[in-house]
Amino acid sequence: RNTTMKYISQIQLLLSVFFLANKASTGFTVQSNKPAFRLGASSVAESTEESTSASTLTLFSPCKINLFLRIIRKREDGFHDLASLFQAVGFGDTLELTPLADDASQDEFECNMPGVPVDSSNLVLRALELMREKTNTKKYFKANLIKQVPAQAGLGGGSANAATAMYGANELMGNPATLEEMVEWSGDLGSDITFFLS
């Protein structure tokens, strides 16, 4: 009974956080020199058909909360099988993505939050490299990550940043990849990234 009440209290707290957030988010809000649009289940086809100029894309990168989390069992590889229910919310980071000149040989990356790595270990840079590798496209970017989501807080901020980088890079590359392909590829970087793309 005490365990049940504990779960109920946790769920109530998480639901309170959810409803206090600005609004539910089903994808990325993208701003460029064209009207903003939202990537969601009903607009993916329209979004991927649009041409994108070489201007900066400003993308909203939502975080998520766990409405439910249960550890099922420990696996032989040391990891755990989990049962969880995620909800993306209208609070998150902003990623500004700008294509570099054709002769660029590496990405440029900066972040406003102290302590966030800005080297090749950052998921944004790993996501950009993954997109180049999978699409065989040699396009590099300047990425400016404006973080509001605390790092290592269990809110999926880094995973969302990676998903946003994949989506933005695909747009600026001329959409060489389908959403389904990006969902499949994102598993190379982490399971939460798949959630933010799906």
Protein backbone atom coordinates (compact mmCIF):
# COMPACT_ATOMS: atom_id res chain seq x y z
CA ARG A 1 0.00 0.00 0.00
CA ASN A 2 2.81 2.43 0.86
CA THR A 3 4.48 1.68 -2.47
CA THR A 4 1.22 2.35 -4.32
CA MET A 5 0.73 5.67 -2.53
CA LYS A 6 4.32 6.62 -3.34
CA TYR A 7 3.73 5.98 -7.06
CA ILE A 8 0.48 7.95 -6.97
CA SER A 9 2.20 10.91 -5.30
CA GLN A 10 5.00 10.86 -7.85
CA ILE A 11 2.56 10.74 -10.75
CA GLN A 12 0.54 13.62 -9.26
CA LEU A 13 3.69 15.70 -8.92
CA LEU A 14 4.76 14.99 -12.48
CA LEU A 15 1.31 15.80 -13.82
CA SER A 16 1.39 19.09 -11.93
CA VAL A 17 4.71 19.96 -13.56
CA PHE A 18 3.27 18.98 -16.92
CA PHE A 19 0.20 21.19 -16.64
CA LEU A 20 2.21 24.10 -15.28
CA ALA A 21 4.48 24.01 -18.33
CA ASN A 22 3.59 26.49 -21.05
CA LYS A 23 1.98 23.90 -23.31
CA ALA A 24 2.41 20.35 -24.55
CA SER A 25 4.84 20.03 -27.41
CA THR A 26 4.62 17.45 -30.17
CA GLY A 27 7.77 18.38 -32.00
CA PHE A 28 10.13 21.15 -32.98
CA THR A 29 9.07 24.72 -33.60
CA VAL A 30 11.26 25.99 -36.39
CA GLN A 31 11.88 29.62 -37.27
CA SER A 32 13.73 30.89 -40.32
CA ASN A 33 13.02 33.55 -42.91
CA LYS A 34 9.78 31.67 -43.60
CA PRO A 35 6.75 31.36 -41.32
CA ALA A 36 7.33 29.11 -38.33
CA PHE A 37 6.01 25.58 -38.57
CA ARG A 38 5.81 22.64 -36.21
CA LEU A 39 7.10 19.18 -36.94
CA GLY A 40 4.45 16.72 -35.84
CA ALA A 41 2.65 13.61 -36.96
CA SER A 42 0.36 15.59 -39.27
CA SER A 43 2.92 17.95 -40.77
CA VAL A 44 6.02 15.87 -41.48
CA ALA A 45 5.23 15.50 -45.17
CA GLU A 46 4.62 19.23 -45.59
CA SER A 47 7.76 20.11 -43.64
CA THR A 48 10.03 17.85 -45.66
CA GLU A 49 8.70 19.23 -48.94
CA GLU A 50 9.66 22.81 -48.11
CA SER A 51 12.92 24.18 -49.47
CA THR A 52 15.21 25.83 -46.93
CA SER A 53 17.49 28.74 -47.67
CA ALA A 54 21.04 28.97 -46.36
CA SER A 55 19.89 31.18 -43.48
CA THR A 56 19.98 30.26 -39.81
CA LEU A 57 17.34 27.88 -38.51
CA THR A 58 16.19 28.59 -34.96
CA LEU A 59 14.70 25.44 -33.49
CA PHE A 60 12.93 24.81 -30.20
CA SER A 61 14.24 21.68 -28.48
CA PRO A 62 11.65 20.44 -25.95
CA CYS A 63 12.47 18.48 -22.84
CA LYS A 64 10.38 15.61 -21.51
CA ILE A 65 9.11 14.34 -18.21
CA ASN A 66 8.59 10.74 -17.15
CA LEU A 67 4.96 10.26 -16.17
CA PHE A 68 5.79 6.74 -15.08
CA LEU A 69 9.02 4.80 -14.60
CA ARG A 70 9.46 1.23 -13.46
CA ILE A 71 12.59 -0.91 -13.45
CA ILE A 72 11.67 -4.32 -14.83
CA ARG A 73 14.92 -6.26 -14.46
CA LYS A 74 18.67 -6.01 -14.75
CA ARG A 75 20.10 -7.43 -17.96
CA GLU A 76 23.25 -9.46 -18.42
CA ASP A 77 24.96 -6.44 -20.03
CA GLY A 78 24.53 -4.44 -16.82
CA PHE A 79 21.74 -2.22 -18.13
CA HIS A 80 18.10 -2.39 -17.05
CA ASP A 81 14.86 -3.02 -18.92
CA LEU A 82 12.47 -0.17 -18.12
CA ALA A 83 8.78 0.57 -18.50
CA SER A 84 8.19 4.29 -18.87
CA LEU A 85 5.77 6.87 -20.23
CA PHE A 86 7.27 10.09 -21.61
CA GLN A 87 5.60 13.41 -22.34
CA ALA A 88 7.31 16.24 -24.21
CA VAL A 89 6.53 19.65 -22.72
CA GLY A 90 6.73 23.26 -23.87
CA PHE A 91 9.89 24.01 -21.93
CA GLY A 92 13.29 23.46 -23.47
CA ASP A 93 16.36 24.77 -25.21
CA THR A 94 16.93 26.66 -28.44
CA LEU A 95 19.32 25.52 -31.16
CA GLU A 96 20.49 27.94 -33.82
CA LEU A 97 21.92 26.12 -36.82
CA THR A 98 23.71 27.85 -39.70
CA PRO A 99 25.38 26.19 -42.71
CA LEU A 100 29.07 26.97 -43.07
CA ALA A 101 30.86 27.62 -46.35
CA ASP A 102 31.42 24.65 -48.64
CA ASP A 103 35.15 24.63 -47.84
CA ALA A 104 34.53 24.19 -44.08
CA SER A 105 36.05 21.04 -42.63
CA GLN A 106 34.51 20.97 -39.15
CA ASP A 107 31.49 22.16 -37.20
CA GLU A 108 31.57 25.19 -34.92
CA PHE A 109 29.74 24.82 -31.61
CA GLU A 110 29.05 27.07 -28.65
CA CYS A 111 26.76 26.87 -25.63
CA ASN A 112 25.74 29.44 -23.05
CA MET A 113 25.60 27.01 -20.10
CA PRO A 114 28.86 26.50 -18.18
CA GLY A 115 29.85 22.88 -17.80
CA VAL A 116 28.23 21.68 -21.01
CA PRO A 117 30.96 20.09 -23.17
CA VAL A 118 31.61 21.88 -26.46
CA ASP A 119 33.92 19.24 -27.90
CA SER A 120 33.12 16.19 -30.01
CA SER A 121 31.53 14.43 -27.02
CA ASN A 122 28.51 16.74 -27.15
CA LEU A 123 25.42 15.06 -28.58
CA VAL A 124 24.74 17.97 -30.94
CA LEU A 125 28.09 17.52 -32.68
CA ARG A 126 27.71 13.74 -32.63
CA ALA A 127 24.28 14.11 -34.25
CA LEU A 128 25.65 16.36 -37.00
CA GLU A 129 28.46 13.88 -37.67
CA LEU A 130 25.95 11.02 -37.77
CA MET A 131 23.87 12.85 -40.37
CA ARG A 132 26.91 13.40 -42.57
CA GLU A 133 27.93 9.77 -42.24
CA LYS A 134 24.49 8.34 -43.00
CA THR A 135 23.62 10.70 -45.86
CA ASN A 136 27.13 10.88 -47.34
CA THR A 137 26.81 14.66 -47.30
CA LYS A 138 29.85 16.78 -46.46
CA LYS A 139 28.07 19.79 -44.97
CA TYR A 140 29.25 21.48 -41.79
CA PHE A 141 27.39 23.83 -39.48
CA LYS A 142 27.72 26.52 -36.87
CA ALA A 143 25.57 25.48 -33.91
CA ASN A 144 24.65 27.79 -31.04
CA LEU A 145 22.88 25.98 -28.21
CA ILE A 146 20.97 28.22 -25.81
CA LYS A 147 20.22 25.96 -22.87
CA GLN A 148 17.55 26.38 -20.24
CA VAL A 149 17.10 22.72 -19.34
CA PRO A 150 19.56 21.74 -16.57
CA ALA A 151 22.18 19.24 -17.68
CA GLN A 152 21.96 15.69 -16.29
CA ALA A 153 18.52 16.40 -14.77
CA GLY A 154 16.68 13.43 -16.26
CA LEU A 155 14.65 15.72 -18.55
CA GLY A 156 16.19 14.48 -21.79
CA GLY A 157 17.68 17.86 -22.70
CA GLY A 158 20.79 16.46 -24.37
CA SER A 159 18.81 13.84 -26.28
CA ALA A 160 16.35 16.48 -27.46
CA ASN A 161 19.26 18.67 -28.59
CA ALA A 162 20.61 15.78 -30.65
CA ALA A 163 17.22 15.08 -32.23
CA THR A 164 16.82 18.78 -33.02
CA ALA A 165 20.29 18.89 -34.59
CA MET A 166 19.47 15.87 -36.77
CA TYR A 167 16.21 17.44 -37.90
CA GLY A 168 17.78 20.85 -38.57
CA ALA A 169 20.77 19.42 -40.42
CA ASN A 170 18.46 17.36 -42.60
CA GLU A 171 16.47 20.48 -43.49
CA LEU A 172 19.59 22.47 -44.34
CA MET A 173 21.05 19.59 -46.36
CA GLY A 174 17.95 19.52 -48.54
CA ASN A 175 16.17 16.65 -46.79
CA PRO A 176 18.29 13.69 -47.95
CA ALA A 177 16.83 11.53 -45.16
CA THR A 178 13.28 10.56 -44.30
CA LEU A 179 11.95 10.91 -40.78
CA GLU A 180 11.80 7.12 -40.53
CA GLU A 181 15.49 6.87 -41.42
CA MET A 182 16.44 9.48 -38.82
CA VAL A 183 14.43 7.63 -36.18
CA GLU A 184 16.35 4.45 -37.03
CA TRP A 185 19.75 6.17 -37.08
CA SER A 186 19.16 8.01 -33.81
CA GLY A 187 19.43 4.72 -31.93
CA ASP A 188 23.18 4.91 -32.53
CA LEU A 189 23.29 7.91 -30.17
CA GLY A 190 20.70 7.01 -27.53
CA SER A 191 17.20 5.64 -27.06
CA ASP A 192 15.69 8.92 -25.83
CA ILE A 193 16.61 10.62 -29.11
CA THR A 194 14.27 8.28 -30.93
CA PHE A 195 11.40 9.53 -28.73
CA PHE A 196 11.98 13.15 -29.71
CA LEU A 197 11.98 12.29 -33.43
CA SER A 198 8.91 10.05 -33.35
